[in-house]
């Protein structure tokens, strides 16, 4: 049986590119460049690359990037876009929990919930972190975003989704937050690229900063920093607060 995230991305590449939450690519890549001191010799892996927005933007700026995703439909669109924009990127289909890379990447990025937090269990989400860590070189850096578990304790997630749902067309309904599991449950209504209307029952795991820190410490990271993740403008100047829907994690081995 297919999981909701597999069904969502079956035929949703062009519509996905119009969603409001994917419009900050350029600014987000500016922040990534700062983190790696614009060193063009490094090798980057983009986990949950989707239609390739970060991978393509970084490749256009001269970086060596590999993009992986579970959705063949998303990868097909990513390859089309890379060809249109004249960049060469190795887009590969892999499960983020079981990547084939071992100690060969300088930087791993996993942005906009690229796999992590979508899995059905905490153990499965942890497998993604483990797999990403295995892919990194000894002094490598891991940059990812996660849903901030502090946000739903202080705000209505329903109101947030209603205010955020603009052009793309997907609408979240029947939203609830489970305090025992820190999972955000919602029903997503959307239209796929073929014009078919679909309804999916989704749930994503939110994390509090102390959990992320503990998980990464257990994987051997020496330095772990967590900030607020502002769409299109990741910055070390943004201290994480209860107002941030997402958190930005920067970890070094």
C-alpha atoms as a PDB file:
ATOM      1  CA  UNK A   1       0.000   0.000   0.000  1.00  0.00           C
ATOM      2  CA  UNK A   2       1.305   3.418  -0.994  1.00  0.00           C
ATOM      3  CA  UNK A   3       1.994   5.986   1.689  1.00  0.00           C
ATOM      4  CA  UNK A   4       0.413   9.433   1.393  1.00  0.00           C
ATOM      5  CA  UNK A   5       3.678  11.106   0.385  1.00  0.00           C
ATOM      6  CA  UNK A   6       4.132   8.601  -2.457  1.00  0.00           C
ATOM      7  CA  UNK A   7       0.589   9.231  -3.727  1.00  0.00           C
ATOM      8  CA  UNK A   8       0.975  13.010  -3.393  1.00  0.00           C
ATOM      9  CA  UNK A   9       3.983  13.167  -5.692  1.00  0.00           C
ATOM     10  CA  UNK A  10       2.819  10.640  -8.303  1.00  0.00           C
ATOM     11  CA  UNK A  11       1.807  13.284 -10.830  1.00  0.00           C
ATOM     12  CA  UNK A  12       2.230  16.627  -9.132  1.00  0.00           C
ATOM     13  CA  UNK A  13       5.490  18.072 -10.437  1.00  0.00           C
ATOM     14  CA  UNK A  14       4.276  21.115 -12.389  1.00  0.00           C
ATOM     15  CA  UNK A  15       1.633  22.024  -9.803  1.00  0.00           C
ATOM     16  CA  UNK A  16       4.202  21.545  -7.023  1.00  0.00           C
ATOM     17  CA  UNK A  17       6.456  24.156  -8.651  1.00  0.00           C
ATOM     18  CA  UNK A  18       3.651  26.719  -8.250  1.00  0.00           C
ATOM     19  CA  UNK A  19       3.118  26.145  -4.522  1.00  0.00           C
ATOM     20  CA  UNK A  20       3.813  29.186  -2.343  1.00  0.00           C
ATOM     21  CA  UNK A  21       6.272  27.324  -0.116  1.00  0.00           C
ATOM     22  CA  UNK A  22       8.715  26.538  -2.960  1.00  0.00           C
ATOM     23  CA  UNK A  23       9.266  30.107  -4.132  1.00  0.00           C
ATOM     24  CA  UNK A  24      12.312  30.933  -1.989  1.00  0.00           C
ATOM     25  CA  UNK A  25      14.925  28.888  -3.846  1.00  0.00           C
ATOM     26  CA  UNK A  26      17.397  31.607  -4.797  1.00  0.00           C
ATOM     27  CA  UNK A  27      17.614  33.119  -1.310  1.00  0.00           C
ATOM     28  CA  UNK A  28      17.901  29.688   0.289  1.00  0.00           C
ATOM     29  CA  UNK A  29      20.797  28.828  -2.028  1.00  0.00           C
ATOM     30  CA  UNK A  30      22.486  32.124  -1.095  1.00  0.00           C
ATOM     31  CA  UNK A  31      22.487  30.908   2.516  1.00  0.00           C
ATOM     32  CA  UNK A  32      23.845  27.478   1.544  1.00  0.00           C
ATOM     33  CA  UNK A  33      26.679  29.141  -0.397  1.00  0.00           C
ATOM     34  CA  UNK A  34      27.602  31.161   2.676  1.00  0.00           C
ATOM     35  CA  UNK A  35      27.780  27.986   4.758  1.00  0.00           C
ATOM     36  CA  UNK A  36      30.293  26.398   2.374  1.00  0.00           C
ATOM     37  CA  UNK A  37      32.284  29.591   1.758  1.00  0.00           C
ATOM     38  CA  UNK A  38      31.430  29.390  -1.945  1.00  0.00           C
ATOM     39  CA  UNK A  39      33.885  26.519  -2.367  1.00  0.00           C
ATOM     40  CA  UNK A  40      33.109  25.116  -5.832  1.00  0.00           C
ATOM     41  CA  UNK A  41      35.191  21.983  -5.259  1.00  0.00           C
ATOM     42  CA  UNK A  42      32.769  20.462  -2.776  1.00  0.00           C
ATOM     43  CA  UNK A  43      30.297  17.697  -3.593  1.00  0.00           C
ATOM     44  CA  UNK A  44      26.670  18.241  -2.593  1.00  0.00           C
ATOM     45  CA  UNK A  45      23.820  15.763  -2.126  1.00  0.00           C
ATOM     46  CA  UNK A  46      20.227  17.042  -2.189  1.00  0.00           C
ATOM     47  CA  UNK A  47      17.937  14.572  -0.387  1.00  0.00           C
ATOM     48  CA  UNK A  48      14.268  14.765  -1.370  1.00  0.00           C
ATOM     49  CA  UNK A  49      15.217  17.039  -4.255  1.00  0.00           C
ATOM     50  CA  UNK A  50      11.700  17.024  -5.717  1.00  0.00           C
ATOM     51  CA  UNK A  51      11.661  18.843  -9.057  1.00  0.00           C
ATOM     52  CA  UNK A  52      15.282  19.841  -8.485  1.00  0.00           C
ATOM     53  CA  UNK A  53      14.880  23.470  -7.525  1.00  0.00           C
ATOM     54  CA  UNK A  54      17.822  23.714  -5.091  1.00  0.00           C
ATOM     55  CA  UNK A  55      19.987  21.243  -7.016  1.00  0.00           C
ATOM     56  CA  UNK A  56      19.522  23.129 -10.297  1.00  0.00           C
ATOM     57  CA  UNK A  57      20.118  26.542  -8.743  1.00  0.00           C
ATOM     58  CA  UNK A  58      23.324  25.324  -7.072  1.00  0.00           C
ATOM     59  CA  UNK A  59      24.503  23.624 -10.280  1.00  0.00           C
ATOM     60  CA  UNK A  60      23.919  26.893 -12.172  1.00  0.00           C
ATOM     61  CA  UNK A  61      26.208  28.550  -9.639  1.00  0.00           C
ATOM     62  CA  UNK A  62      28.958  26.047 -10.413  1.00  0.00           C
ATOM     63  CA  UNK A  63      28.573  23.334  -7.773  1.00  0.00           C
ATOM     64  CA  UNK A  64      28.670  19.540  -8.230  1.00  0.00           C
ATOM     65  CA  UNK A  65      25.259  18.302  -7.135  1.00  0.00           C
ATOM     66  CA  UNK A  66      23.498  14.945  -6.970  1.00  0.00           C
ATOM     67  CA  UNK A  67      19.744  14.922  -6.360  1.00  0.00           C
ATOM     68  CA  UNK A  68      17.797  11.981  -4.975  1.00  0.00           C
ATOM     69  CA  UNK A  69      14.061  11.505  -4.559  1.00  0.00           C
ATOM     70  CA  UNK A  70      11.555   8.681  -4.165  1.00  0.00           C
ATOM     71  CA  UNK A  71       9.176  10.049  -6.816  1.00  0.00           C
ATOM     72  CA  UNK A  72       9.879   9.170 -10.453  1.00  0.00           C
ATOM     73  CA  UNK A  73       7.439  11.882 -11.532  1.00  0.00           C
ATOM     74  CA  UNK A  74       9.313  14.583  -9.592  1.00  0.00           C
ATOM     75  CA  UNK A  75      12.674  13.324 -10.909  1.00  0.00           C
ATOM     76  CA  UNK A  76      11.406  13.328 -14.498  1.00  0.00           C
ATOM     77  CA  UNK A  77      10.462  16.994 -14.145  1.00  0.00           C
ATOM     78  CA  UNK A  78      13.795  17.751 -12.450  1.00  0.00           C
ATOM     79  CA  UNK A  79      15.694  16.232 -15.389  1.00  0.00           C
ATOM     80  CA  UNK A  80      13.575  18.233 -17.864  1.00  0.00           C
ATOM     81  CA  UNK A  81      14.255  21.475 -15.982  1.00  0.00           C
ATOM     82  CA  UNK A  82      17.993  20.779 -15.713  1.00  0.00           C
ATOM     83  CA  UNK A  83      18.169  20.165 -19.460  1.00  0.00           C
ATOM     84  CA  UNK A  84      16.162  23.333 -20.197  1.00  0.00           C
ATOM     85  CA  UNK A  85      18.526  25.347 -18.004  1.00  0.00           C
ATOM     86  CA  UNK A  86      21.697  23.771 -19.368  1.00  0.00           C
ATOM     87  CA  UNK A  87      23.068  22.094 -16.244  1.00  0.00           C
ATOM     88  CA  UNK A  88      24.234  18.529 -15.646  1.00  0.00           C
ATOM     89  CA  UNK A  89      23.003  16.898 -12.462  1.00  0.00           C
ATOM     90  CA  UNK A  90      22.825  13.229 -11.538  1.00  0.00           C
ATOM     91  CA  UNK A  91      19.197  12.784 -10.486  1.00  0.00           C
ATOM     92  CA  UNK A  92      18.683   9.333  -8.971  1.00  0.00           C
ATOM     93  CA  UNK A  93      15.750   7.464  -7.477  1.00  0.00           C
ATOM     94  CA  UNK A  94      16.523   6.295  -3.945  1.00  0.00           C
ATOM     95  CA  UNK A  95      14.828   5.804  -0.603  1.00  0.00           C
ATOM     96  CA  UNK A  96      16.383   8.383   1.742  1.00  0.00           C
ATOM     97  CA  UNK A  97      16.612   5.735   4.464  1.00  0.00           C
ATOM     98  CA  UNK A  98      18.961   3.613   2.402  1.00  0.00           C
ATOM     99  CA  UNK A  99      21.288   5.770   0.317  1.00  0.00           C
ATOM    100  CA  UNK A 100      24.179   4.211  -1.646  1.00  0.00           C
ATOM    101  CA  UNK A 101      26.671   6.932  -0.651  1.00  0.00           C
ATOM    102  CA  UNK A 102      29.360   6.242   1.944  1.00  0.00           C
ATOM    103  CA  UNK A 103      31.603   9.030   3.195  1.00  0.00           C
ATOM    104  CA  UNK A 104      31.831  10.801  -0.151  1.00  0.00           C
ATOM    105  CA  UNK A 105      29.861  14.063   0.220  1.00  0.00           C
ATOM    106  CA  UNK A 106      31.058  17.369   1.667  1.00  0.00           C
ATOM    107  CA  UNK A 107      27.538  18.712   2.136  1.00  0.00           C
ATOM    108  CA  UNK A 108      24.129  17.083   2.430  1.00  0.00           C
ATOM    109  CA  UNK A 109      21.034  19.285   2.179  1.00  0.00           C
ATOM    110  CA  UNK A 110      17.455  18.211   2.904  1.00  0.00           C
ATOM    111  CA  UNK A 111      15.132  21.191   2.646  1.00  0.00           C
ATOM    112  CA  UNK A 112      11.398  21.805   2.780  1.00  0.00           C
ATOM    113  CA  UNK A 113      10.817  18.469   4.538  1.00  0.00           C
ATOM    114  CA  UNK A 114      12.649  16.481   1.864  1.00  0.00           C
ATOM    115  CA  UNK A 115      11.792  13.085   3.297  1.00  0.00           C
ATOM    116  CA  UNK A 116      12.618  13.684   6.956  1.00  0.00           C
ATOM    117  CA  UNK A 117       9.484  14.081   9.119  1.00  0.00           C
ATOM    118  CA  UNK A 118       7.233  12.505   6.452  1.00  0.00           C
ATOM    119  CA  UNK A 119       7.883   8.899   7.507  1.00  0.00           C
ATOM    120  CA  UNK A 120       5.321   6.872   9.421  1.00  0.00           C
ATOM    121  CA  UNK A 121       7.444   6.259  12.530  1.00  0.00           C
ATOM    122  CA  UNK A 122      10.178   8.045  14.483  1.00  0.00           C
ATOM    123  CA  UNK A 123      12.493   5.119  13.765  1.00  0.00           C
ATOM    124  CA  UNK A 124      12.028   5.545  10.013  1.00  0.00           C
ATOM    125  CA  UNK A 125      12.717   9.274  10.249  1.00  0.00           C
ATOM    126  CA  UNK A 126      15.874   8.508  12.236  1.00  0.00           C
ATOM    127  CA  UNK A 127      16.996   6.111   9.478  1.00  0.00           C
ATOM    128  CA  UNK A 128      17.004   9.100   7.101  1.00  0.00           C
ATOM    129  CA  UNK A 129      19.295  11.045   9.421  1.00  0.00           C
ATOM    130  CA  UNK A 130      21.565   8.000   9.740  1.00  0.00           C
ATOM    131  CA  UNK A 131      21.686   7.484   5.980  1.00  0.00           C
ATOM    132  CA  UNK A 132      22.492  11.152   5.338  1.00  0.00           C
ATOM    133  CA  UNK A 133      25.241  11.005   7.965  1.00  0.00           C
ATOM    134  CA  UNK A 134      26.800   7.901   6.361  1.00  0.00           C
ATOM    135  CA  UNK A 135      26.950   9.766   3.046  1.00  0.00           C
ATOM    136  CA  UNK A 136      29.054  12.581   4.527  1.00  0.00           C
ATOM    137  CA  UNK A 137      32.825  12.812   4.745  1.00  0.00           C
ATOM    138  CA  UNK A 138      34.333  13.046   8.248  1.00  0.00           C
ATOM    139  CA  UNK A 139      34.290  16.850   8.343  1.00  0.00           C
ATOM    140  CA  UNK A 140      31.098  17.159   6.305  1.00  0.00           C
ATOM    141  CA  UNK A 141      28.154  19.447   6.934  1.00  0.00           C
ATOM    142  CA  UNK A 142      24.459  18.568   7.061  1.00  0.00           C
ATOM    143  CA  UNK A 143      21.873  21.314   6.498  1.00  0.00           C
ATOM    144  CA  UNK A 144      18.172  20.521   6.749  1.00  0.00           C
ATOM    145  CA  UNK A 145      14.829  21.921   7.760  1.00  0.00           C
ATOM    146  CA  UNK A 146      12.253  20.339  10.039  1.00  0.00           C
ATOM    147  CA  UNK A 147       8.809  21.288  11.295  1.00  0.00           C
ATOM    148  CA  UNK A 148       9.186  23.229  14.533  1.00  0.00           C
ATOM    149  CA  UNK A 149       7.303  21.388  17.281  1.00  0.00           C
ATOM    150  CA  UNK A 150       7.213  24.564  19.380  1.00  0.00           C
ATOM    151  CA  UNK A 151       4.947  26.316  16.852  1.00  0.00           C
ATOM    152  CA  UNK A 152       1.767  24.226  17.349  1.00  0.00           C
ATOM    153  CA  UNK A 153       2.083  24.553  21.128  1.00  0.00           C
ATOM    154  CA  UNK A 154       1.548  28.303  20.797  1.00  0.00           C
ATOM    155  CA  UNK A 155      -0.418  28.700  17.544  1.00  0.00           C
ATOM    156  CA  UNK A 156      -3.241  27.248  15.518  1.00  0.00           C
ATOM    157  CA  UNK A 157      -1.734  25.152  12.736  1.00  0.00           C
ATOM    158  CA  UNK A 158      -5.104  25.364  10.960  1.00  0.00           C
ATOM    159  CA  UNK A 159      -4.879  29.172  10.773  1.00  0.00           C
ATOM    160  CA  UNK A 160      -1.280  28.945   9.540  1.00  0.00           C
ATOM    161  CA  UNK A 161      -2.196  26.614   6.665  1.00  0.00           C
ATOM    162  CA  UNK A 162      -5.172  28.763   5.718  1.00  0.00           C
ATOM    163  CA  UNK A 163      -3.035  31.906   5.544  1.00  0.00           C
ATOM    164  CA  UNK A 164      -0.193  30.126   3.707  1.00  0.00           C
ATOM    165  CA  UNK A 165      -2.285  28.371   1.039  1.00  0.00           C
ATOM    166  CA  UNK A 166      -2.059  30.739  -1.886  1.00  0.00           C
ATOM    167  CA  UNK A 167      -1.368  30.113  -5.535  1.00  0.00           C
ATOM    168  CA  UNK A 168      -0.338  26.458  -5.710  1.00  0.00           C
ATOM    169  CA  UNK A 169      -3.790  25.128  -5.080  1.00  0.00           C
ATOM    170  CA  UNK A 170      -3.339  22.433  -2.428  1.00  0.00           C
ATOM    171  CA  UNK A 171      -5.620  23.008   0.545  1.00  0.00           C
ATOM    172  CA  UNK A 172      -5.211  21.518   4.053  1.00  0.00           C
ATOM    173  CA  UNK A 173      -8.371  20.607   5.958  1.00  0.00           C
ATOM    174  CA  UNK A 174      -9.351  18.644   9.099  1.00  0.00           C
ATOM    175  CA  UNK A 175      -6.152  19.717  10.783  1.00  0.00           C
ATOM    176  CA  UNK A 176      -5.220  18.410  14.211  1.00  0.00           C
ATOM    177  CA  UNK A 177      -2.059  18.188  16.283  1.00  0.00           C
ATOM    178  CA  UNK A 178      -1.362  15.171  18.493  1.00  0.00           C
ATOM    179  CA  UNK A 179       0.464  16.197  21.675  1.00  0.00           C
ATOM    180  CA  UNK A 180       1.481  12.621  22.460  1.00  0.00           C
ATOM    181  CA  UNK A 181       3.256  11.971  19.148  1.00  0.00           C
ATOM    182  CA  UNK A 182       3.918  15.558  17.981  1.00  0.00           C
ATOM    183  CA  UNK A 183       2.325  14.699  14.676  1.00  0.00           C
ATOM    184  CA  UNK A 184       0.397  17.165  12.571  1.00  0.00           C
ATOM    185  CA  UNK A 185      -2.545  15.325  10.930  1.00  0.00           C
ATOM    186  CA  UNK A 186      -4.369  16.904   8.014  1.00  0.00           C
ATOM    187  CA  UNK A 187      -6.369  16.161   4.893  1.00  0.00           C
ATOM    188  CA  UNK A 188      -4.885  17.634   1.729  1.00  0.00           C
ATOM    189  CA  UNK A 189      -7.120  18.399  -1.245  1.00  0.00           C
ATOM    190  CA  UNK A 190      -5.364  19.138  -4.515  1.00  0.00           C
ATOM    191  CA  UNK A 191      -5.464  18.722  -8.276  1.00  0.00           C
ATOM    192  CA  UNK A 192      -2.647  16.807  -9.961  1.00  0.00           C
ATOM    193  CA  UNK A 193      -0.935  17.697 -13.249  1.00  0.00           C
ATOM    194  CA  UNK A 194      -3.533  15.756 -15.218  1.00  0.00           C
ATOM    195  CA  UNK A 195      -6.379  17.701 -13.608  1.00  0.00           C
ATOM    196  CA  UNK A 196      -7.491  14.853 -11.326  1.00  0.00           C
ATOM    197  CA  UNK A 197      -8.820  15.994  -7.964  1.00  0.00           C
ATOM    198  CA  UNK A 198      -7.308  14.059  -5.062  1.00  0.00           C
ATOM    199  CA  UNK A 199      -7.764  13.897  -1.297  1.00  0.00           C
ATOM    200  CA  UNK A 200      -5.049  12.460   0.955  1.00  0.00           C
ATOM    201  CA  UNK A 201      -4.837  11.895   4.693  1.00  0.00           C
ATOM    202  CA  UNK A 202      -1.381  13.174   5.659  1.00  0.00           C
ATOM    203  CA  UNK A 203       0.628  13.356   8.809  1.00  0.00           C
ATOM    204  CA  UNK A 204       4.044  14.835   9.518  1.00  0.00           C
ATOM    205  CA  UNK A 205       6.259  14.669  12.572  1.00  0.00           C
ATOM    206  CA  UNK A 206       7.150  17.956  14.247  1.00  0.00           C
ATOM    207  CA  UNK A 207      10.356  18.088  16.288  1.00  0.00           C
ATOM    208  CA  UNK A 208      11.470  20.205  19.206  1.00  0.00           C
ATOM    209  CA  UNK A 209      15.075  21.478  19.149  1.00  0.00           C
ATOM    210  CA  UNK A 210      16.246  19.263  22.013  1.00  0.00           C
ATOM    211  CA  UNK A 211      15.118  16.132  20.110  1.00  0.00           C
ATOM    212  CA  UNK A 212      17.020  17.131  16.983  1.00  0.00           C
ATOM    213  CA  UNK A 213      20.121  17.928  19.050  1.00  0.00           C
ATOM    214  CA  UNK A 214      19.951  14.564  20.829  1.00  0.00           C
ATOM    215  CA  UNK A 215      19.428  12.604  17.607  1.00  0.00           C
ATOM    216  CA  UNK A 216      22.359  14.311  15.887  1.00  0.00           C
ATOM    217  CA  UNK A 217      24.636  13.985  18.917  1.00  0.00           C
ATOM    218  CA  UNK A 218      23.901  10.263  18.922  1.00  0.00           C
ATOM    219  CA  UNK A 219      25.085  10.153  15.285  1.00  0.00           C
ATOM    220  CA  UNK A 220      28.393  11.758  16.209  1.00  0.00           C
ATOM    221  CA  UNK A 221      27.945  15.371  15.131  1.00  0.00           C
ATOM    222  CA  UNK A 222      30.318  17.685  16.976  1.00  0.00           C
ATOM    223  CA  UNK A 223      28.525  20.963  16.307  1.00  0.00           C
ATOM    224  CA  UNK A 224      24.758  21.373  16.044  1.00  0.00           C
ATOM    225  CA  UNK A 225      23.060  24.730  15.581  1.00  0.00           C
ATOM    226  CA  UNK A 226      19.347  25.409  15.131  1.00  0.00           C
ATOM    227  CA  UNK A 227      17.760  28.583  13.779  1.00  0.00           C
ATOM    228  CA  UNK A 228      14.389  29.816  12.587  1.00  0.00           C
ATOM    229  CA  UNK A 229      13.827  28.954   8.907  1.00  0.00           C
ATOM    230  CA  UNK A 230      12.389  31.901   7.004  1.00  0.00           C
ATOM    231  CA  UNK A 231      11.138  31.089   3.499  1.00  0.00           C
ATOM    232  CA  UNK A 232      13.725  32.192   0.954  1.00  0.00           C
ATOM    233  CA  UNK A 233      15.984  33.756   3.558  1.00  0.00           C
ATOM    234  CA  UNK A 234      17.725  31.245   5.806  1.00  0.00           C
ATOM    235  CA  UNK A 235      19.972  33.089   8.227  1.00  0.00           C
ATOM    236  CA  UNK A 236      22.086  32.440  11.302  1.00  0.00           C
ATOM    237  CA  UNK A 237      20.718  35.742  12.603  1.00  0.00           C
ATOM    238  CA  UNK A 238      17.243  34.236  13.041  1.00  0.00           C
ATOM    239  CA  UNK A 239      17.074  32.792  16.522  1.00  0.00           C
ATOM    240  CA  UNK A 240      14.478  30.007  16.656  1.00  0.00           C
ATOM    241  CA  UNK A 241      11.253  31.128  18.314  1.00  0.00           C
ATOM    242  CA  UNK A 242       7.728  29.803  18.782  1.00  0.00           C
ATOM    243  CA  UNK A 243       6.758  31.976  15.777  1.00  0.00           C
ATOM    244  CA  UNK A 244       8.790  29.828  13.337  1.00  0.00           C
ATOM    245  CA  UNK A 245       6.842  27.112  11.549  1.00  0.00           C
ATOM    246  CA  UNK A 246      10.113  25.506  10.439  1.00  0.00           C
ATOM    247  CA  UNK A 247      13.561  25.244  11.934  1.00  0.00           C
ATOM    248  CA  UNK A 248      16.889  25.313  10.107  1.00  0.00           C
ATOM    249  CA  UNK A 249      19.456  22.788  11.358  1.00  0.00           C
ATOM    250  CA  UNK A 250      23.169  23.125  10.589  1.00  0.00           C
ATOM    251  CA  UNK A 251      25.279  20.226  11.831  1.00  0.00           C
ATOM    252  CA  UNK A 252      28.980  19.463  11.389  1.00  0.00           C
ATOM    253  CA  UNK A 253      30.666  16.109  11.880  1.00  0.00           C
END
